[in-house]
PDB file of N, CA and C in Angstrom:
ATOM      1  N   MET A   1     -11.422   7.580   8.769  1.00  0.00           N
ATOM      2  CA  MET A   1     -10.083   7.070   8.500  1.00  0.00           C
ATOM      3  C   MET A   1     -10.118   5.797   7.674  1.00  0.00           C
ATOM      4  N   GLY A   2     -11.143   5.006   7.829  1.00  0.00           N
ATOM      5  CA  GLY A   2     -11.257   3.758   7.107  1.00  0.00           C
ATOM      6  C   GLY A   2     -11.255   3.949   5.603  1.00  0.00           C
ATOM      7  N   ARG A   3     -11.910   5.017   5.152  1.00  0.00           N
ATOM      8  CA  ARG A   3     -11.980   5.266   3.709  1.00  0.00           C
ATOM      9  C   ARG A   3     -10.595   5.576   3.135  1.00  0.00           C
ATOM     10  N   ASP A   4      -9.818   6.386   3.834  1.00  0.00           N
ATOM     11  CA  ASP A   4      -8.464   6.687   3.370  1.00  0.00           C
ATOM     12  C   ASP A   4      -7.631   5.409   3.278  1.00  0.00           C
ATOM     13  N   GLU A   5      -7.801   4.517   4.249  1.00  0.00           N
ATOM     14  CA  GLU A   5      -7.065   3.255   4.223  1.00  0.00           C
ATOM     15  C   GLU A   5      -7.499   2.390   3.042  1.00  0.00           C
ATOM     16  N   ASP A   6      -8.795   2.399   2.735  1.00  0.00           N
ATOM     17  CA  ASP A   6      -9.288   1.645   1.579  1.00  0.00           C
ATOM     18  C   ASP A   6      -8.695   2.196   0.288  1.00  0.00           C
ATOM     19  N   ILE A   7      -8.660   3.518   0.165  1.00  0.00           N
ATOM     20  CA  ILE A   7      -8.087   4.160  -1.025  1.00  0.00           C
ATOM     21  C   ILE A   7      -6.598   3.854  -1.107  1.00  0.00           C
ATOM     22  N   ARG A   8      -5.917   3.936   0.024  1.00  0.00           N
ATOM     23  CA  ARG A   8      -4.482   3.639   0.080  1.00  0.00           C
ATOM     24  C   ARG A   8      -4.218   2.219  -0.429  1.00  0.00           C
ATOM     25  N   GLN A   9      -5.018   1.255   0.036  1.00  0.00           N
ATOM     26  CA  GLN A   9      -4.833  -0.133  -0.387  1.00  0.00           C
ATOM     27  C   GLN A   9      -5.130  -0.292  -1.877  1.00  0.00           C
ATOM     28  N   ALA A  10      -6.140   0.415  -2.368  1.00  0.00           N
ATOM     29  CA  ALA A  10      -6.475   0.347  -3.794  1.00  0.00           C
ATOM     30  C   ALA A  10      -5.334   0.914  -4.637  1.00  0.00           C
ATOM     31  N   ILE A  11      -4.693   1.975  -4.152  1.00  0.00           N
ATOM     32  CA  ILE A  11      -3.545   2.557  -4.865  1.00  0.00           C
ATOM     33  C   ILE A  11      -2.391   1.550  -4.887  1.00  0.00           C
ATOM     34  N   ILE A  12      -2.102   0.942  -3.756  1.00  0.00           N
ATOM     35  CA  ILE A  12      -1.013  -0.038  -3.680  1.00  0.00           C
ATOM     36  C   ILE A  12      -1.293  -1.222  -4.602  1.00  0.00           C
ATOM     37  N   ASP A  13      -2.552  -1.696  -4.581  1.00  0.00           N
ATOM     38  CA  ASP A  13      -2.920  -2.804  -5.462  1.00  0.00           C
ATOM     39  C   ASP A  13      -2.722  -2.427  -6.928  1.00  0.00           C
ATOM     40  N   TYR A  14      -3.194  -1.248  -7.302  1.00  0.00           N
ATOM     41  CA  TYR A  14      -3.051  -0.798  -8.691  1.00  0.00           C
ATOM     42  C   TYR A  14      -1.569  -0.679  -9.061  1.00  0.00           C
ATOM     43  N   ALA A  15      -0.792  -0.048  -8.191  1.00  0.00           N
ATOM     44  CA  ALA A  15       0.616   0.218  -8.493  1.00  0.00           C
ATOM     45  C   ALA A  15       1.461  -1.047  -8.542  1.00  0.00           C
ATOM     46  N   SER A  16       1.104  -2.038  -7.736  1.00  0.00           N
ATOM     47  CA  SER A  16       1.933  -3.235  -7.681  1.00  0.00           C
ATOM     48  C   SER A  16       1.547  -4.291  -8.711  1.00  0.00           C
ATOM     49  N   LYS A  17       0.324  -4.247  -9.198  1.00  0.00           N
ATOM     50  CA  LYS A  17      -0.131  -5.276 -10.140  1.00  0.00           C
ATOM     51  C   LYS A  17      -0.053  -4.855 -11.598  1.00  0.00           C
ATOM     52  N   GLY A  18       0.163  -3.570 -11.856  1.00  0.00           N
ATOM     53  CA  GLY A  18       0.195  -3.086 -13.228  1.00  0.00           C
ATOM     54  C   GLY A  18       1.454  -3.522 -13.961  1.00  0.00           C
ATOM     55  N   ALA A  19       1.368  -3.535 -15.266  1.00  0.00           N
ATOM     56  CA  ALA A  19       2.513  -3.904 -16.091  1.00  0.00           C
ATOM     57  C   ALA A  19       3.600  -2.829 -16.040  1.00  0.00           C
ATOM     58  N   LYS A  20       3.182  -1.580 -15.851  1.00  0.00           N
ATOM     59  CA  LYS A  20       4.127  -0.467 -15.812  1.00  0.00           C
ATOM     60  C   LYS A  20       4.393  -0.063 -14.363  1.00  0.00           C
ATOM     61  N   SER A  21       5.640   0.311 -14.084  1.00  0.00           N
ATOM     62  CA  SER A  21       6.002   0.691 -12.723  1.00  0.00           C
ATOM     63  C   SER A  21       5.700   2.165 -12.441  1.00  0.00           C
ATOM     64  N   LYS A  22       5.541   2.967 -13.480  1.00  0.00           N
ATOM     65  CA  LYS A  22       5.209   4.392 -13.336  1.00  0.00           C
ATOM     66  C   LYS A  22       3.929   4.668 -14.102  1.00  0.00           C
ATOM     67  N   PHE A  23       3.100   5.558 -13.568  1.00  0.00           N
ATOM     68  CA  PHE A  23       1.799   5.806 -14.180  1.00  0.00           C
ATOM     69  C   PHE A  23       1.338   7.216 -13.864  1.00  0.00           C
ATOM     70  N   TYR A  24       0.445   7.718 -14.695  1.00  0.00           N
ATOM     71  CA  TYR A  24      -0.131   9.045 -14.502  1.00  0.00           C
ATOM     72  C   TYR A  24      -1.230   8.988 -13.459  1.00  0.00           C
ATOM     73  N   PHE A  25      -1.519  10.144 -12.840  1.00  0.00           N
ATOM     74  CA  PHE A  25      -2.566  10.208 -11.822  1.00  0.00           C
ATOM     75  C   PHE A  25      -3.905   9.742 -12.370  1.00  0.00           C
ATOM     76  N   LYS A  26      -4.247  10.171 -13.586  1.00  0.00           N
ATOM     77  CA  LYS A  26      -5.558   9.794 -14.145  1.00  0.00           C
ATOM     78  C   LYS A  26      -5.695   8.279 -14.299  1.00  0.00           C
ATOM     79  N   ASP A  27      -4.598   7.606 -14.618  1.00  0.00           N
ATOM     80  CA  ASP A  27      -4.632   6.143 -14.727  1.00  0.00           C
ATOM     81  C   ASP A  27      -4.790   5.498 -13.354  1.00  0.00           C
ATOM     82  N   MET A  28      -4.093   6.053 -12.362  1.00  0.00           N
ATOM     83  CA  MET A  28      -4.225   5.552 -10.996  1.00  0.00           C
ATOM     84  C   MET A  28      -5.655   5.771 -10.495  1.00  0.00           C
ATOM     85  N   LEU A  29      -6.231   6.920 -10.776  1.00  0.00           N
ATOM     86  CA  LEU A  29      -7.608   7.213 -10.376  1.00  0.00           C
ATOM     87  C   LEU A  29      -8.573   6.207 -10.989  1.00  0.00           C
ATOM     88  N   THR A  30      -8.382   5.903 -12.261  1.00  0.00           N
ATOM     89  CA  THR A  30      -9.221   4.901 -12.933  1.00  0.00           C
ATOM     90  C   THR A  30      -9.083   3.544 -12.251  1.00  0.00           C
ATOM     91  N   GLY A  31      -7.874   3.171 -11.886  1.00  0.00           N
ATOM     92  CA  GLY A  31      -7.641   1.908 -11.193  1.00  0.00           C
ATOM     93  C   GLY A  31      -8.292   1.864  -9.826  1.00  0.00           C
ATOM     94  N   VAL A  32      -8.225   2.967  -9.091  1.00  0.00           N
ATOM     95  CA  VAL A  32      -8.854   3.034  -7.768  1.00  0.00           C
ATOM     96  C   VAL A  32     -10.369   2.938  -7.904  1.00  0.00           C
ATOM     97  N   LYS A  33     -10.924   3.589  -8.924  1.00  0.00           N
ATOM     98  CA  LYS A  33     -12.376   3.590  -9.119  1.00  0.00           C
ATOM     99  C   LYS A  33     -12.923   2.206  -9.453  1.00  0.00           C
ATOM    100  N   LYS A  34     -12.081   1.310  -9.927  1.00  0.00           N
ATOM    101  CA  LYS A  34     -12.527  -0.065 -10.174  1.00  0.00           C
ATOM    102  C   LYS A  34     -12.840  -0.769  -8.858  1.00  0.00           C
ATOM    103  N   THR A  35     -12.133  -0.388  -7.795  1.00  0.00           N
ATOM    104  CA  THR A  35     -12.342  -0.958  -6.474  1.00  0.00           C
ATOM    105  C   THR A  35     -13.321  -0.117  -5.652  1.00  0.00           C
ATOM    106  N   ILE A  36     -13.183   1.211  -5.760  1.00  0.00           N
ATOM    107  CA  ILE A  36     -14.013   2.152  -4.990  1.00  0.00           C
ATOM    108  C   ILE A  36     -14.656   3.116  -5.983  1.00  0.00           C
ATOM    109  N   PRO A  37     -15.789   2.727  -6.571  1.00  0.00           N
ATOM    110  CA  PRO A  37     -16.404   3.510  -7.655  1.00  0.00           C
ATOM    111  C   PRO A  37     -16.717   4.969  -7.321  1.00  0.00           C
ATOM    112  N   ASP A  38     -17.005   5.272  -6.061  1.00  0.00           N
ATOM    113  CA  ASP A  38     -17.366   6.651  -5.717  1.00  0.00           C
ATOM    114  C   ASP A  38     -16.185   7.472  -5.204  1.00  0.00           C
ATOM    115  N   ALA A  39     -14.978   6.969  -5.352  1.00  0.00           N
ATOM    116  CA  ALA A  39     -13.790   7.716  -4.915  1.00  0.00           C
ATOM    117  C   ALA A  39     -13.615   8.960  -5.781  1.00  0.00           C
ATOM    118  N   GLY A  40     -13.444  10.095  -5.135  1.00  0.00           N
ATOM    119  CA  GLY A  40     -13.244  11.348  -5.858  1.00  0.00           C
ATOM    120  C   GLY A  40     -11.780  11.609  -6.134  1.00  0.00           C
ATOM    121  N   ALA A  41     -11.515  12.403  -7.165  1.00  0.00           N
ATOM    122  CA  ALA A  41     -10.134  12.712  -7.534  1.00  0.00           C
ATOM    123  C   ALA A  41      -9.394  13.393  -6.385  1.00  0.00           C
ATOM    124  N   SER A  42     -10.067  14.293  -5.663  1.00  0.00           N
ATOM    125  CA  SER A  42      -9.395  15.001  -4.570  1.00  0.00           C
ATOM    126  C   SER A  42      -9.048  14.051  -3.421  1.00  0.00           C
ATOM    127  N   GLU A  43      -9.909  13.071  -3.163  1.00  0.00           N
ATOM    128  CA  GLU A  43      -9.629  12.073  -2.124  1.00  0.00           C
ATOM    129  C   GLU A  43      -8.400  11.252  -2.488  1.00  0.00           C
ATOM    130  N   VAL A  44      -8.372  10.776  -3.724  1.00  0.00           N
ATOM    131  CA  VAL A  44      -7.269   9.937  -4.183  1.00  0.00           C
ATOM    132  C   VAL A  44      -5.973  10.748  -4.203  1.00  0.00           C
ATOM    133  N   LYS A  45      -6.049  11.991  -4.645  1.00  0.00           N
ATOM    134  CA  LYS A  45      -4.875  12.870  -4.691  1.00  0.00           C
ATOM    135  C   LYS A  45      -4.314  13.094  -3.292  1.00  0.00           C
ATOM    136  N   LYS A  46      -5.210  13.304  -2.312  1.00  0.00           N
ATOM    137  CA  LYS A  46      -4.792  13.532  -0.928  1.00  0.00           C
ATOM    138  C   LYS A  46      -4.058  12.314  -0.377  1.00  0.00           C
ATOM    139  N   VAL A  47      -4.612  11.134  -0.599  1.00  0.00           N
ATOM    140  CA  VAL A  47      -3.993   9.903  -0.106  1.00  0.00           C
ATOM    141  C   VAL A  47      -2.668   9.646  -0.827  1.00  0.00           C
ATOM    142  N   ALA A  48      -2.640   9.851  -2.143  1.00  0.00           N
ATOM    143  CA  ALA A  48      -1.407   9.642  -2.913  1.00  0.00           C
ATOM    144  C   ALA A  48      -0.314  10.610  -2.452  1.00  0.00           C
ATOM    145  N   SER A  49      -0.679  11.857  -2.181  1.00  0.00           N
ATOM    146  CA  SER A  49       0.299  12.843  -1.704  1.00  0.00           C
ATOM    147  C   SER A  49       0.857  12.440  -0.345  1.00  0.00           C
ATOM    148  N   ALA A  50      -0.011  11.923   0.528  1.00  0.00           N
ATOM    149  CA  ALA A  50       0.447  11.444   1.837  1.00  0.00           C
ATOM    150  C   ALA A  50       1.417  10.283   1.661  1.00  0.00           C
ATOM    151  N   MET A  51       1.126   9.405   0.712  1.00  0.00           N
ATOM    152  CA  MET A  51       1.996   8.254   0.468  1.00  0.00           C
ATOM    153  C   MET A  51       3.362   8.684  -0.063  1.00  0.00           C
ATOM    154  N   VAL A  52       3.388   9.769  -0.847  1.00  0.00           N
ATOM    155  CA  VAL A  52       4.655  10.315  -1.335  1.00  0.00           C
ATOM    156  C   VAL A  52       5.432  10.895  -0.154  1.00  0.00           C
ATOM    157  N   SER A  53       4.739  11.625   0.726  1.00  0.00           N
ATOM    158  CA  SER A  53       5.383  12.193   1.913  1.00  0.00           C
ATOM    159  C   SER A  53       5.964  11.118   2.823  1.00  0.00           C
ATOM    160  N   GLU A  54       5.261   9.983   2.908  1.00  0.00           N
ATOM    161  CA  GLU A  54       5.714   8.857   3.736  1.00  0.00           C
ATOM    162  C   GLU A  54       6.759   8.003   3.023  1.00  0.00           C
ATOM    163  N   GLU A  55       7.069   8.356   1.785  1.00  0.00           N
ATOM    164  CA  GLU A  55       8.035   7.649   0.947  1.00  0.00           C
ATOM    165  C   GLU A  55       7.618   6.220   0.629  1.00  0.00           C
ATOM    166  N   VAL A  56       6.301   5.987   0.593  1.00  0.00           N
ATOM    167  CA  VAL A  56       5.766   4.713   0.118  1.00  0.00           C
ATOM    168  C   VAL A  56       5.728   4.762  -1.401  1.00  0.00           C
ATOM    169  N   MET A  57       5.402   5.946  -1.924  1.00  0.00           N
ATOM    170  CA  MET A  57       5.385   6.187  -3.367  1.00  0.00           C
ATOM    171  C   MET A  57       6.364   7.293  -3.680  1.00  0.00           C
ATOM    172  N   GLU A  58       6.676   7.413  -4.970  1.00  0.00           N
ATOM    173  CA  GLU A  58       7.556   8.492  -5.402  1.00  0.00           C
ATOM    174  C   GLU A  58       6.993   9.140  -6.650  1.00  0.00           C
ATOM    175  N   LEU A  59       7.415  10.367  -6.859  1.00  0.00           N
ATOM    176  CA  LEU A  59       7.032  11.103  -8.059  1.00  0.00           C
ATOM    177  C   LEU A  59       8.213  11.117  -9.009  1.00  0.00           C
ATOM    178  N   LEU A  60       7.941  10.991 -10.286  1.00  0.00           N
ATOM    179  CA  LEU A  60       8.970  11.074 -11.302  1.00  0.00           C
ATOM    180  C   LEU A  60       8.522  12.137 -12.299  1.00  0.00           C
ATOM    181  N   SER A  61       9.249  13.220 -12.354  1.00  0.00           N
ATOM    182  CA  SER A  61       8.893  14.302 -13.252  1.00  0.00           C
ATOM    183  C   SER A  61       9.696  14.183 -14.540  1.00  0.00           C
ATOM    184  N   THR A  62       8.981  14.242 -15.665  1.00  0.00           N
ATOM    185  CA  THR A  62       9.657  14.188 -16.963  1.00  0.00           C
ATOM    186  C   THR A  62       9.837  15.589 -17.527  1.00  0.00           C
ATOM    187  N   GLY A  63       9.510  16.594 -16.742  1.00  0.00           N
ATOM    188  CA  GLY A  63       9.590  17.968 -17.206  1.00  0.00           C
ATOM    189  C   GLY A  63       8.229  18.475 -17.618  1.00  0.00           C
ATOM    190  N   SER A  64       7.560  17.736 -18.481  1.00  0.00           N
ATOM    191  CA  SER A  64       6.238  18.156 -18.949  1.00  0.00           C
ATOM    192  C   SER A  64       5.107  17.450 -18.211  1.00  0.00           C
ATOM    193  N   SER A  65       5.436  16.369 -17.521  1.00  0.00           N
ATOM    194  CA  SER A  65       4.397  15.633 -16.794  1.00  0.00           C
ATOM    195  C   SER A  65       4.999  14.975 -15.560  1.00  0.00           C
ATOM    196  N   THR A  66       4.130  14.568 -14.660  1.00  0.00           N
ATOM    197  CA  THR A  66       4.553  13.911 -13.431  1.00  0.00           C
ATOM    198  C   THR A  66       3.903  12.546 -13.356  1.00  0.00           C
ATOM    199  N   MET A  67       4.693  11.564 -12.986  1.00  0.00           N
ATOM    200  CA  MET A  67       4.181  10.207 -12.860  1.00  0.00           C
ATOM    201  C   MET A  67       4.413   9.713 -11.432  1.00  0.00           C
ATOM    202  N   TYR A  68       3.576   8.783 -11.024  1.00  0.00           N
ATOM    203  CA  TYR A  68       3.678   8.161  -9.706  1.00  0.00           C
ATOM    204  C   TYR A  68       4.224   6.752  -9.863  1.00  0.00           C
ATOM    205  N   GLY A  69       4.784   6.227  -8.787  1.00  0.00           N
ATOM    206  CA  GLY A  69       5.226   4.839  -8.764  1.00  0.00           C
ATOM    207  C   GLY A  69       5.494   4.409  -7.332  1.00  0.00           C
ATOM    208  N   LEU A  70       5.409   3.118  -7.081  1.00  0.00           N
ATOM    209  CA  LEU A  70       5.768   2.602  -5.764  1.00  0.00           C
ATOM    210  C   LEU A  70       7.272   2.690  -5.602  1.00  0.00           C
ATOM    211  N   LYS A  71       7.716   3.151  -4.465  1.00  0.00           N
ATOM    212  CA  LYS A  71       9.150   3.268  -4.213  1.00  0.00           C
ATOM    213  C   LYS A  71       9.776   1.881  -4.290  1.00  0.00           C
ATOM    214  N   GLY A  72      10.878   1.773  -5.027  1.00  0.00           N
ATOM    215  CA  GLY A  72      11.569   0.506  -5.160  1.00  0.00           C
ATOM    216  C   GLY A  72      11.101  -0.360  -6.324  1.00  0.00           C
ATOM    217  N   ARG A  73      10.046   0.061  -7.019  1.00  0.00           N
ATOM    218  CA  ARG A  73       9.564  -0.722  -8.162  1.00  0.00           C
ATOM    219  C   ARG A  73       9.926   0.023  -9.447  1.00  0.00           C
ATOM    220  N   GLY A  74      10.666  -0.601 -10.319  1.00  0.00           N
ATOM    221  CA  GLY A  74      11.072   0.039 -11.570  1.00  0.00           C
ATOM    222  C   GLY A  74      12.252   0.973 -11.354  1.00  0.00           C
ATOM    223  N   ILE A  75      12.419   1.892 -12.249  1.00  0.00           N
ATOM    224  CA  ILE A  75      13.516   2.858 -12.171  1.00  0.00           C
ATOM    225  C   ILE A  75      13.117   3.974 -11.219  1.00  0.00           C
ATOM    226  N   SER A  76      13.917   4.183 -10.189  1.00  0.00           N
ATOM    227  CA  SER A  76      13.635   5.243  -9.234  1.00  0.00           C
ATOM    228  C   SER A  76      14.409   6.503  -9.608  1.00  0.00           C
ATOM    229  N   VAL A  77      14.111   7.589  -8.925  1.00  0.00           N
ATOM    230  CA  VAL A  77      14.803   8.853  -9.165  1.00  0.00           C
ATOM    231  C   VAL A  77      16.298   8.672  -8.916  1.00  0.00           C
ATOM    232  N   GLU A  78      16.639   7.964  -7.848  1.00  0.00           N
ATOM    233  CA  GLU A  78      18.052   7.757  -7.516  1.00  0.00           C
ATOM    234  C   GLU A  78      18.773   6.969  -8.613  1.00  0.00           C
ATOM    235  N   LYS A  79      18.144   5.921  -9.116  1.00  0.00           N
ATOM    236  CA  LYS A  79      18.756   5.066 -10.124  1.00  0.00           C
ATOM    237  C   LYS A  79      18.848   5.749 -11.489  1.00  0.00           C
ATOM    238  N   SER A  80      17.936   6.686 -11.758  1.00  0.00           N
ATOM    239  CA  SER A  80      17.947   7.322 -13.074  1.00  0.00           C
ATOM    240  C   SER A  80      18.991   8.420 -13.179  1.00  0.00           C
ATOM    241  N   GLY A  81      19.598   8.803 -12.043  1.00  0.00           N
ATOM    242  CA  GLY A  81      20.642   9.814 -12.085  1.00  0.00           C
ATOM    243  C   GLY A  81      20.115  11.213 -11.907  1.00  0.00           C
ATOM    244  N   ASP A  82      18.823  11.391 -11.669  1.00  0.00           N
ATOM    245  CA  ASP A  82      18.253  12.714 -11.511  1.00  0.00           C
ATOM    246  C   ASP A  82      18.411  13.265 -10.110  1.00  0.00           C
ATOM    247  N   ALA A  83      18.970  12.505  -9.195  1.00  0.00           N
ATOM    248  CA  ALA A  83      19.079  12.926  -7.811  1.00  0.00           C
ATOM    249  C   ALA A  83      20.272  13.848  -7.584  1.00  0.00           C
ATOM    250  N   GLY A  84      21.048  14.098  -8.628  1.00  0.00           N
ATOM    251  CA  GLY A  84      22.214  14.984  -8.505  1.00  0.00           C
ATOM    252  C   GLY A  84      23.464  14.189  -8.164  1.00  0.00           C
ATOM    253  N   GLY A  85      24.595  14.916  -8.056  1.00  0.00           N
ATOM    254  CA  GLY A  85      25.801  14.203  -7.626  1.00  0.00           C
ATOM    255  C   GLY A  85      26.818  14.280  -8.624  1.00  0.00           C
TER     256      GLY A  85
END
């Protein structure tokens, strides 16, 4: 469990310190690997997916690609008008 928590913290650090509020998975993986060099893509994907389920992070789909972001940082799905209504 400790490793997942380390990856989770590395994701939060990357997402909160970056200049951009939304980012691609490959960029997030690169950021995590700076802290945890042996982190695998499947490990990071699993933790990121859990964070989306817990609503710590959110996904933003542009149609052709999907980006991640910390919930409440930058333009969210609700604010962009994509939530319907």
